[in-house]
Amino acid sequence: MLFLRRTIALVVLAAVLAAVVAGVVVLVRAFDGSGTEALPEMAAAEKQAPPTPQPLGAPVTCGPDDVEVSIDADASEYVAPRRPLFTVTVRHVGRTPCLVESSAVGRPVTITSGDARTWSSADCSTEERTILMARGDVDEQKVRWDRVPSADGCPDPGDPADPGTYQAVAALAGVDGTASEPVRFTLEAKPEPKPTPSSTPSSDESDDSTDETDKPSDEADKSSDETEEPSDEAEAAEPSDAD
């Protein structure tokens, strides 16, 4: 039994010595140049070039999740010839910068009366204006309506719009889901001028004057009758020839 234990101990000790010798040999080779081929490969692996940055893609058109569109009017009632003035506001609320068409064509204001389309800022405009917007950016545009209806293709203007209630809506052309809440307003007719007082007496006043002029003649006739009454009494007082 004692012999077996000593044999196992000698085997373990021999294994430890073999491992130590192998390690020393590896270190010696590393320092004397025999392992120089492996070192450059390790250094190259540790010092790899950084990845090439990828080019950014071209900006895309803003969608309904990127912007909010609103419209306001400068009044609720417009007496002719006052023209309605609207402020169209686009606010970027998305995460990625995108393009917004902010011209009268790309950001039309449409006016309706009931179900009838009355006017659009895109009917007679050809301008173009594209801007790049990022989160938090705000863009405002003023749009004025001349109270005259329009149609697609911009035909010759007709008569002014009738008095009544209308509503205006703004949106981004070709982008569904960007229409603003409608703003309602009223067109009123031009008030008729008040009549100017005239210096010529009216017919009623002339008739009154005529009646007043006729009154003295009636009084004169009455006085004449009273003057004739005493003569009759005098005839009654004279004695008759028979007496």
C-alpha atoms as a PDB file:
ATOM      1  CA  MET A   1       0.000   0.000   0.000  1.00  0.00           C
ATOM      2  CA  LEU A   2       2.815   2.375   0.849  1.00  0.00           C
ATOM      3  CA  PHE A   3       4.507   1.494  -2.402  1.00  0.00           C
ATOM      4  CA  LEU A   4       1.384   2.410  -4.386  1.00  0.00           C
ATOM      5  CA  ARG A   5       1.133   5.825  -2.767  1.00  0.00           C
ATOM      6  CA  ARG A   6       4.739   6.606  -3.531  1.00  0.00           C
ATOM      7  CA  THR A   7       4.276   5.570  -7.156  1.00  0.00           C
ATOM      8  CA  ILE A   8       1.254   7.936  -7.620  1.00  0.00           C
ATOM      9  CA  ALA A   9       3.182  10.808  -6.029  1.00  0.00           C
ATOM     10  CA  LEU A  10       6.099  10.310  -8.371  1.00  0.00           C
ATOM     11  CA  VAL A  11       3.770  10.319 -11.425  1.00  0.00           C
ATOM     12  CA  VAL A  12       2.106  13.560 -10.364  1.00  0.00           C
ATOM     13  CA  LEU A  13       5.457  15.199  -9.716  1.00  0.00           C
ATOM     14  CA  ALA A  14       6.711  14.122 -13.110  1.00  0.00           C
ATOM     15  CA  ALA A  15       3.636  15.624 -14.793  1.00  0.00           C
ATOM     16  CA  VAL A  16       4.143  18.944 -12.987  1.00  0.00           C
ATOM     17  CA  LEU A  17       7.802  19.075 -14.000  1.00  0.00           C
ATOM     18  CA  ALA A  18       6.870  18.331 -17.629  1.00  0.00           C
ATOM     19  CA  ALA A  19       4.369  21.225 -17.648  1.00  0.00           C
ATOM     20  CA  VAL A  20       6.944  23.599 -16.187  1.00  0.00           C
ATOM     21  CA  VAL A  21       9.540  22.601 -18.764  1.00  0.00           C
ATOM     22  CA  ALA A  22       7.059  23.071 -21.623  1.00  0.00           C
ATOM     23  CA  GLY A  23       6.191  26.568 -20.407  1.00  0.00           C
ATOM     24  CA  VAL A  24       9.840  27.564 -20.172  1.00  0.00           C
ATOM     25  CA  VAL A  25      10.443  26.341 -23.739  1.00  0.00           C
ATOM     26  CA  VAL A  26       7.537  28.440 -25.080  1.00  0.00           C
ATOM     27  CA  LEU A  27       8.807  31.566 -23.327  1.00  0.00           C
ATOM     28  CA  VAL A  28      12.325  31.076 -24.634  1.00  0.00           C
ATOM     29  CA  ARG A  29      11.053  30.738 -28.206  1.00  0.00           C
ATOM     30  CA  ALA A  30       8.978  33.895 -27.857  1.00  0.00           C
ATOM     31  CA  PHE A  31      11.982  35.953 -26.783  1.00  0.00           C
ATOM     32  CA  ASP A  32      14.576  34.495 -29.168  1.00  0.00           C
ATOM     33  CA  GLY A  33      12.476  35.183 -32.338  1.00  0.00           C
ATOM     34  CA  SER A  34      11.336  31.692 -33.129  1.00  0.00           C
ATOM     35  CA  GLY A  35       7.693  32.733 -32.581  1.00  0.00           C
ATOM     36  CA  THR A  36       7.805  36.065 -34.501  1.00  0.00           C
ATOM     37  CA  GLU A  37       5.371  34.814 -37.138  1.00  0.00           C
ATOM     38  CA  ALA A  38       2.536  34.486 -34.656  1.00  0.00           C
ATOM     39  CA  LEU A  39       2.970  37.910 -33.046  1.00  0.00           C
ATOM     40  CA  PRO A  40       2.120  40.058 -36.106  1.00  0.00           C
ATOM     41  CA  GLU A  41      -1.031  38.038 -36.667  1.00  0.00           C
ATOM     42  CA  MET A  42      -2.138  38.649 -33.073  1.00  0.00           C
ATOM     43  CA  ALA A  43      -1.346  42.362 -33.343  1.00  0.00           C
ATOM     44  CA  ALA A  44      -3.282  42.642 -36.601  1.00  0.00           C
ATOM     45  CA  ALA A  45      -6.289  40.982 -35.026  1.00  0.00           C
ATOM     46  CA  GLU A  46      -6.196  43.416 -32.100  1.00  0.00           C
ATOM     47  CA  LYS A  47      -5.785  46.511 -34.300  1.00  0.00           C
ATOM     48  CA  GLN A  48      -8.539  46.123 -36.893  1.00  0.00           C
ATOM     49  CA  ALA A  49      -9.611  49.225 -38.857  1.00  0.00           C
ATOM     50  CA  PRO A  50     -12.887  50.861 -37.741  1.00  0.00           C
ATOM     51  CA  PRO A  51     -15.938  50.143 -39.879  1.00  0.00           C
ATOM     52  CA  THR A  52     -16.523  52.470 -42.806  1.00  0.00           C
ATOM     53  CA  PRO A  53     -19.394  54.871 -41.988  1.00  0.00           C
ATOM     54  CA  GLN A  54     -22.435  54.280 -44.119  1.00  0.00           C
ATOM     55  CA  PRO A  55     -23.742  57.300 -46.099  1.00  0.00           C
ATOM     56  CA  LEU A  56     -27.047  58.771 -44.886  1.00  0.00           C
ATOM     57  CA  GLY A  57     -30.045  58.203 -47.119  1.00  0.00           C
ATOM     58  CA  ALA A  58     -31.825  61.058 -48.886  1.00  0.00           C
ATOM     59  CA  PRO A  59     -34.495  62.811 -46.777  1.00  0.00           C
ATOM     60  CA  VAL A  60     -38.005  61.500 -47.309  1.00  0.00           C
ATOM     61  CA  THR A  61     -41.307  63.334 -47.414  1.00  0.00           C
ATOM     62  CA  CYS A  62     -42.927  63.857 -44.032  1.00  0.00           C
ATOM     63  CA  GLY A  63     -45.807  61.578 -43.169  1.00  0.00           C
ATOM     64  CA  PRO A  64     -48.801  61.957 -40.859  1.00  0.00           C
ATOM     65  CA  ASP A  65     -46.752  60.758 -37.875  1.00  0.00           C
ATOM     66  CA  ASP A  66     -44.063  63.377 -38.497  1.00  0.00           C
ATOM     67  CA  VAL A  67     -46.043  66.632 -38.595  1.00  0.00           C
ATOM     68  CA  GLU A  68     -49.127  68.358 -37.225  1.00  0.00           C
ATOM     69  CA  VAL A  69     -51.066  70.847 -39.391  1.00  0.00           C
ATOM     70  CA  SER A  70     -53.369  73.553 -37.993  1.00  0.00           C
ATOM     71  CA  ILE A  71     -55.203  76.591 -39.390  1.00  0.00           C
ATOM     72  CA  ASP A  72     -56.525  79.776 -37.768  1.00  0.00           C
ATOM     73  CA  ALA A  73     -58.580  82.695 -39.103  1.00  0.00           C
ATOM     74  CA  ASP A  74     -58.063  86.330 -38.117  1.00  0.00           C
ATOM     75  CA  ALA A  75     -61.821  86.796 -37.513  1.00  0.00           C
ATOM     76  CA  SER A  76     -65.077  84.875 -37.336  1.00  0.00           C
ATOM     77  CA  GLU A  77     -67.151  87.344 -39.387  1.00  0.00           C
ATOM     78  CA  TYR A  78     -66.175  89.257 -42.528  1.00  0.00           C
ATOM     79  CA  VAL A  79     -68.338  92.135 -43.728  1.00  0.00           C
ATOM     80  CA  ALA A  80     -67.750  92.890 -47.409  1.00  0.00           C
ATOM     81  CA  PRO A  81     -65.307  93.877 -48.755  1.00  0.00           C
ATOM     82  CA  ARG A  82     -63.071  92.521 -45.947  1.00  0.00           C
ATOM     83  CA  ARG A  83     -61.169  89.394 -47.040  1.00  0.00           C
ATOM     84  CA  PRO A  84     -60.471  86.399 -44.749  1.00  0.00           C
ATOM     85  CA  LEU A  85     -56.825  85.861 -43.719  1.00  0.00           C
ATOM     86  CA  PHE A  86     -55.674  82.408 -42.558  1.00  0.00           C
ATOM     87  CA  THR A  87     -52.488  81.252 -40.787  1.00  0.00           C
ATOM     88  CA  VAL A  88     -51.389  77.706 -41.654  1.00  0.00           C
ATOM     89  CA  THR A  89     -48.936  76.139 -39.165  1.00  0.00           C
ATOM     90  CA  VAL A  90     -46.897  72.953 -39.650  1.00  0.00           C
ATOM     91  CA  ARG A  91     -45.113  71.564 -36.586  1.00  0.00           C
ATOM     92  CA  HIS A  92     -42.595  68.693 -36.774  1.00  0.00           C
ATOM     93  CA  VAL A  93     -43.257  66.132 -34.030  1.00  0.00           C
ATOM     94  CA  GLY A  94     -41.442  63.082 -35.432  1.00  0.00           C
ATOM     95  CA  ARG A  95     -37.961  61.700 -34.728  1.00  0.00           C
ATOM     96  CA  THR A  96     -36.418  61.877 -38.188  1.00  0.00           C
ATOM     97  CA  PRO A  97     -35.902  64.995 -40.325  1.00  0.00           C
ATOM     98  CA  CYS A  98     -38.110  65.019 -43.415  1.00  0.00           C
ATOM     99  CA  LEU A  99     -39.224  67.235 -46.294  1.00  0.00           C
ATOM    100  CA  VAL A 100     -42.376  69.385 -46.285  1.00  0.00           C
ATOM    101  CA  GLU A 101     -43.859  71.089 -49.326  1.00  0.00           C
ATOM    102  CA  SER A 102     -44.902  74.453 -47.930  1.00  0.00           C
ATOM    103  CA  SER A 103     -46.143  76.230 -51.070  1.00  0.00           C
ATOM    104  CA  ALA A 104     -49.779  77.037 -51.791  1.00  0.00           C
ATOM    105  CA  VAL A 105     -49.932  73.893 -53.926  1.00  0.00           C
ATOM    106  CA  GLY A 106     -48.235  71.554 -51.467  1.00  0.00           C
ATOM    107  CA  ARG A 107     -50.049  72.942 -48.433  1.00  0.00           C
ATOM    108  CA  PRO A 108     -53.486  73.870 -49.819  1.00  0.00           C
ATOM    109  CA  VAL A 109     -56.217  75.672 -47.930  1.00  0.00           C
ATOM    110  CA  THR A 110     -59.640  74.435 -49.071  1.00  0.00           C
ATOM    111  CA  ILE A 111     -62.866  76.345 -48.346  1.00  0.00           C
ATOM    112  CA  THR A 112     -66.256  74.670 -48.497  1.00  0.00           C
ATOM    113  CA  SER A 113     -69.871  75.641 -47.918  1.00  0.00           C
ATOM    114  CA  GLY A 114     -71.817  72.626 -46.810  1.00  0.00           C
ATOM    115  CA  ASP A 115     -70.805  69.829 -49.190  1.00  0.00           C
ATOM    116  CA  ALA A 116     -69.846  72.231 -51.998  1.00  0.00           C
ATOM    117  CA  ARG A 117     -66.193  73.091 -52.651  1.00  0.00           C
ATOM    118  CA  THR A 118     -65.883  76.870 -52.950  1.00  0.00           C
ATOM    119  CA  TRP A 119     -62.172  77.712 -53.203  1.00  0.00           C
ATOM    120  CA  SER A 120     -58.647  76.262 -52.896  1.00  0.00           C
ATOM    121  CA  SER A 121     -55.306  78.037 -52.691  1.00  0.00           C
ATOM    122  CA  ALA A 122     -53.884  75.385 -55.053  1.00  0.00           C
ATOM    123  CA  ASP A 123     -56.218  76.155 -57.961  1.00  0.00           C
ATOM    124  CA  CYS A 124     -54.354  79.180 -59.333  1.00  0.00           C
ATOM    125  CA  SER A 125     -50.845  78.792 -57.880  1.00  0.00           C
ATOM    126  CA  THR A 126     -47.694  77.395 -59.499  1.00  0.00           C
ATOM    127  CA  GLU A 127     -45.052  78.198 -56.872  1.00  0.00           C
ATOM    128  CA  GLU A 128     -42.876  75.525 -55.266  1.00  0.00           C
ATOM    129  CA  ARG A 129     -41.247  75.681 -51.832  1.00  0.00           C
ATOM    130  CA  THR A 130     -39.823  72.591 -50.142  1.00  0.00           C
ATOM    131  CA  ILE A 131     -38.212  72.789 -46.706  1.00  0.00           C
ATOM    132  CA  LEU A 132     -36.407  70.290 -44.462  1.00  0.00           C
ATOM    133  CA  MET A 133     -37.858  70.085 -40.973  1.00  0.00           C
ATOM    134  CA  ALA A 134     -36.534  68.405 -37.829  1.00  0.00           C
ATOM    135  CA  ARG A 135     -38.208  67.661 -34.516  1.00  0.00           C
ATOM    136  CA  GLY A 136     -39.488  70.860 -32.897  1.00  0.00           C
ATOM    137  CA  ASP A 137     -39.378  72.985 -36.077  1.00  0.00           C
ATOM    138  CA  VAL A 138     -42.402  75.171 -36.856  1.00  0.00           C
ATOM    139  CA  ASP A 139     -43.291  76.755 -40.194  1.00  0.00           C
ATOM    140  CA  GLU A 140     -46.114  79.294 -40.702  1.00  0.00           C
ATOM    141  CA  GLN A 141     -47.667  80.614 -43.917  1.00  0.00           C
ATOM    142  CA  LYS A 142     -50.305  83.329 -44.472  1.00  0.00           C
ATOM    143  CA  VAL A 143     -53.099  82.677 -46.969  1.00  0.00           C
ATOM    144  CA  ARG A 144     -55.708  85.302 -47.956  1.00  0.00           C
ATOM    145  CA  TRP A 145     -58.980  84.611 -49.785  1.00  0.00           C
ATOM    146  CA  ASP A 146     -60.395  87.297 -52.065  1.00  0.00           C
ATOM    147  CA  ARG A 147     -63.986  86.057 -51.500  1.00  0.00           C
ATOM    148  CA  VAL A 148     -64.206  84.818 -55.124  1.00  0.00           C
ATOM    149  CA  PRO A 149     -64.830  81.094 -55.801  1.00  0.00           C
ATOM    150  CA  SER A 150     -62.246  79.091 -57.773  1.00  0.00           C
ATOM    151  CA  ALA A 151     -61.973  75.735 -59.521  1.00  0.00           C
ATOM    152  CA  ASP A 152     -59.281  73.286 -60.599  1.00  0.00           C
ATOM    153  CA  GLY A 153     -57.436  74.651 -63.629  1.00  0.00           C
ATOM    154  CA  CYS A 154     -58.000  78.272 -62.568  1.00  0.00           C
ATOM    155  CA  PRO A 155     -60.824  79.376 -64.902  1.00  0.00           C
ATOM    156  CA  ASP A 156     -61.828  83.011 -65.142  1.00  0.00           C
ATOM    157  CA  PRO A 157     -63.122  84.293 -61.799  1.00  0.00           C
ATOM    158  CA  GLY A 158     -66.838  84.720 -61.415  1.00  0.00           C
ATOM    159  CA  ASP A 159     -69.002  86.642 -58.981  1.00  0.00           C
ATOM    160  CA  PRO A 160     -68.062  86.959 -55.303  1.00  0.00           C
ATOM    161  CA  ALA A 161     -69.165  84.210 -52.962  1.00  0.00           C
ATOM    162  CA  ASP A 162     -72.618  84.541 -51.444  1.00  0.00           C
ATOM    163  CA  PRO A 163     -73.002  85.581 -47.818  1.00  0.00           C
ATOM    164  CA  GLY A 164     -73.181  82.604 -45.492  1.00  0.00           C
ATOM    165  CA  THR A 165     -71.197  80.210 -43.304  1.00  0.00           C
ATOM    166  CA  TYR A 166     -68.025  78.588 -44.625  1.00  0.00           C
ATOM    167  CA  GLN A 167     -65.204  76.420 -43.261  1.00  0.00           C
ATOM    168  CA  ALA A 168     -61.498  76.200 -44.147  1.00  0.00           C
ATOM    169  CA  VAL A 169     -59.176  73.185 -43.832  1.00  0.00           C
ATOM    170  CA  ALA A 170     -55.403  72.935 -44.421  1.00  0.00           C
ATOM    171  CA  ALA A 171     -53.435  69.773 -45.268  1.00  0.00           C
ATOM    172  CA  LEU A 172     -50.281  68.475 -46.940  1.00  0.00           C
ATOM    173  CA  ALA A 173     -51.023  67.566 -50.548  1.00  0.00           C
ATOM    174  CA  GLY A 174     -50.773  63.847 -51.220  1.00  0.00           C
ATOM    175  CA  VAL A 175     -50.229  62.923 -47.554  1.00  0.00           C
ATOM    176  CA  ASP A 176     -53.313  61.283 -46.056  1.00  0.00           C
ATOM    177  CA  GLY A 177     -54.055  61.938 -42.417  1.00  0.00           C
ATOM    178  CA  THR A 178     -52.560  65.456 -42.257  1.00  0.00           C
ATOM    179  CA  ALA A 179     -55.766  67.504 -42.594  1.00  0.00           C
ATOM    180  CA  SER A 180     -56.244  70.124 -39.887  1.00  0.00           C
ATOM    181  CA  GLU A 181     -59.308  70.720 -37.788  1.00  0.00           C
ATOM    182  CA  PRO A 182     -61.730  72.994 -39.734  1.00  0.00           C
ATOM    183  CA  VAL A 183     -62.101  76.662 -38.856  1.00  0.00           C
ATOM    184  CA  ARG A 184     -65.564  78.162 -39.427  1.00  0.00           C
ATOM    185  CA  PHE A 185     -66.345  81.743 -40.419  1.00  0.00           C
ATOM    186  CA  THR A 186     -69.151  83.843 -41.896  1.00  0.00           C
ATOM    187  CA  LEU A 187     -69.268  86.124 -44.932  1.00  0.00           C
ATOM    188  CA  GLU A 188     -71.653  89.062 -44.607  1.00  0.00           C
ATOM    189  CA  ALA A 189     -72.936  91.384 -47.318  1.00  0.00           C
ATOM    190  CA  LYS A 190     -71.939  95.007 -47.452  1.00  0.00           C
ATOM    191  CA  PRO A 191     -74.503  97.062 -45.496  1.00  0.00           C
ATOM    192  CA  GLU A 192     -76.707  99.355 -47.579  1.00  0.00           C
ATOM    193  CA  PRO A 193     -75.973 103.084 -47.190  1.00  0.00           C
ATOM    194  CA  LYS A 194     -78.361 105.056 -44.999  1.00  0.00           C
ATOM    195  CA  PRO A 195     -80.559 107.652 -46.820  1.00  0.00           C
ATOM    196  CA  THR A 196     -79.276 111.246 -46.609  1.00  0.00           C
ATOM    197  CA  PRO A 197     -81.782 113.767 -45.088  1.00  0.00           C
ATOM    198  CA  SER A 198     -83.246 116.067 -47.838  1.00  0.00           C
ATOM    199  CA  SER A 199     -84.059 119.797 -47.519  1.00  0.00           C
ATOM    200  CA  THR A 200     -87.145 119.499 -49.833  1.00  0.00           C
ATOM    201  CA  PRO A 201     -90.333 119.122 -47.773  1.00  0.00           C
ATOM    202  CA  SER A 202     -92.184 115.901 -48.232  1.00  0.00           C
ATOM    203  CA  SER A 203     -95.648 115.667 -49.763  1.00  0.00           C
ATOM    204  CA  ASP A 204     -97.214 115.153 -46.312  1.00  0.00           C
ATOM    205  CA  GLU A 205     -95.603 118.318 -45.036  1.00  0.00           C
ATOM    206  CA  SER A 206     -96.879 120.201 -48.107  1.00  0.00           C
ATOM    207  CA  ASP A 207    -100.440 118.959 -47.472  1.00  0.00           C
ATOM    208  CA  ASP A 208    -100.243 120.120 -43.852  1.00  0.00           C
ATOM    209  CA  SER A 209     -99.100 123.546 -44.980  1.00  0.00           C
ATOM    210  CA  THR A 210    -102.012 123.744 -47.436  1.00  0.00           C
ATOM    211  CA  ASP A 211    -104.491 122.851 -44.710  1.00  0.00           C
ATOM    212  CA  GLU A 212    -103.091 125.538 -42.444  1.00  0.00           C
ATOM    213  CA  THR A 213    -103.312 128.078 -45.291  1.00  0.00           C
ATOM    214  CA  ASP A 214    -106.964 127.208 -45.860  1.00  0.00           C
ATOM    215  CA  LYS A 215    -107.922 127.755 -42.201  1.00  0.00           C
ATOM    216  CA  PRO A 216    -107.807 131.605 -42.247  1.00  0.00           C
ATOM    217  CA  SER A 217    -110.240 131.722 -45.208  1.00  0.00           C
ATOM    218  CA  ASP A 218    -112.740 129.661 -43.241  1.00  0.00           C
ATOM    219  CA  GLU A 219    -112.394 132.012 -40.303  1.00  0.00           C
ATOM    220  CA  ALA A 220    -112.908 134.971 -42.641  1.00  0.00           C
ATOM    221  CA  ASP A 221    -116.157 133.493 -43.936  1.00  0.00           C
ATOM    222  CA  LYS A 222    -117.338 132.978 -40.374  1.00  0.00           C
ATOM    223  CA  SER A 223    -116.592 136.633 -39.541  1.00  0.00           C
ATOM    224  CA  SER A 224    -118.514 137.765 -42.622  1.00  0.00           C
ATOM    225  CA  ASP A 225    -121.562 135.826 -41.483  1.00  0.00           C
ATOM    226  CA  GLU A 226    -121.409 137.411 -38.045  1.00  0.00           C
ATOM    227  CA  THR A 227    -121.221 140.878 -39.633  1.00  0.00           C
ATOM    228  CA  GLU A 228    -124.387 140.279 -41.661  1.00  0.00           C
ATOM    229  CA  GLU A 229    -126.503 139.214 -38.631  1.00  0.00           C
ATOM    230  CA  PRO A 230    -126.932 142.729 -37.091  1.00  0.00           C
ATOM    231  CA  SER A 231    -128.462 144.101 -40.322  1.00  0.00           C
ATOM    232  CA  ASP A 232    -131.271 141.598 -40.048  1.00  0.00           C
ATOM    233  CA  GLU A 233    -131.985 142.678 -36.481  1.00  0.00           C
ATOM    234  CA  ALA A 234    -132.062 146.302 -37.557  1.00  0.00           C
ATOM    235  CA  GLU A 235    -134.728 145.546 -40.172  1.00  0.00           C
ATOM    236  CA  ALA A 236    -136.819 143.873 -37.497  1.00  0.00           C
ATOM    237  CA  ALA A 237    -136.653 146.959 -35.302  1.00  0.00           C
ATOM    238  CA  GLU A 238    -137.939 149.468 -37.970  1.00  0.00           C
ATOM    239  CA  PRO A 239    -141.748 150.213 -37.878  1.00  0.00           C
ATOM    240  CA  SER A 240    -143.732 148.925 -40.778  1.00  0.00           C
ATOM    241  CA  ASP A 241    -145.616 151.279 -43.156  1.00  0.00           C
ATOM    242  CA  ALA A 242    -148.977 149.887 -41.898  1.00  0.00           C
ATOM    243  CA  ASP A 243    -148.431 151.433 -38.479  1.00  0.00           C
END
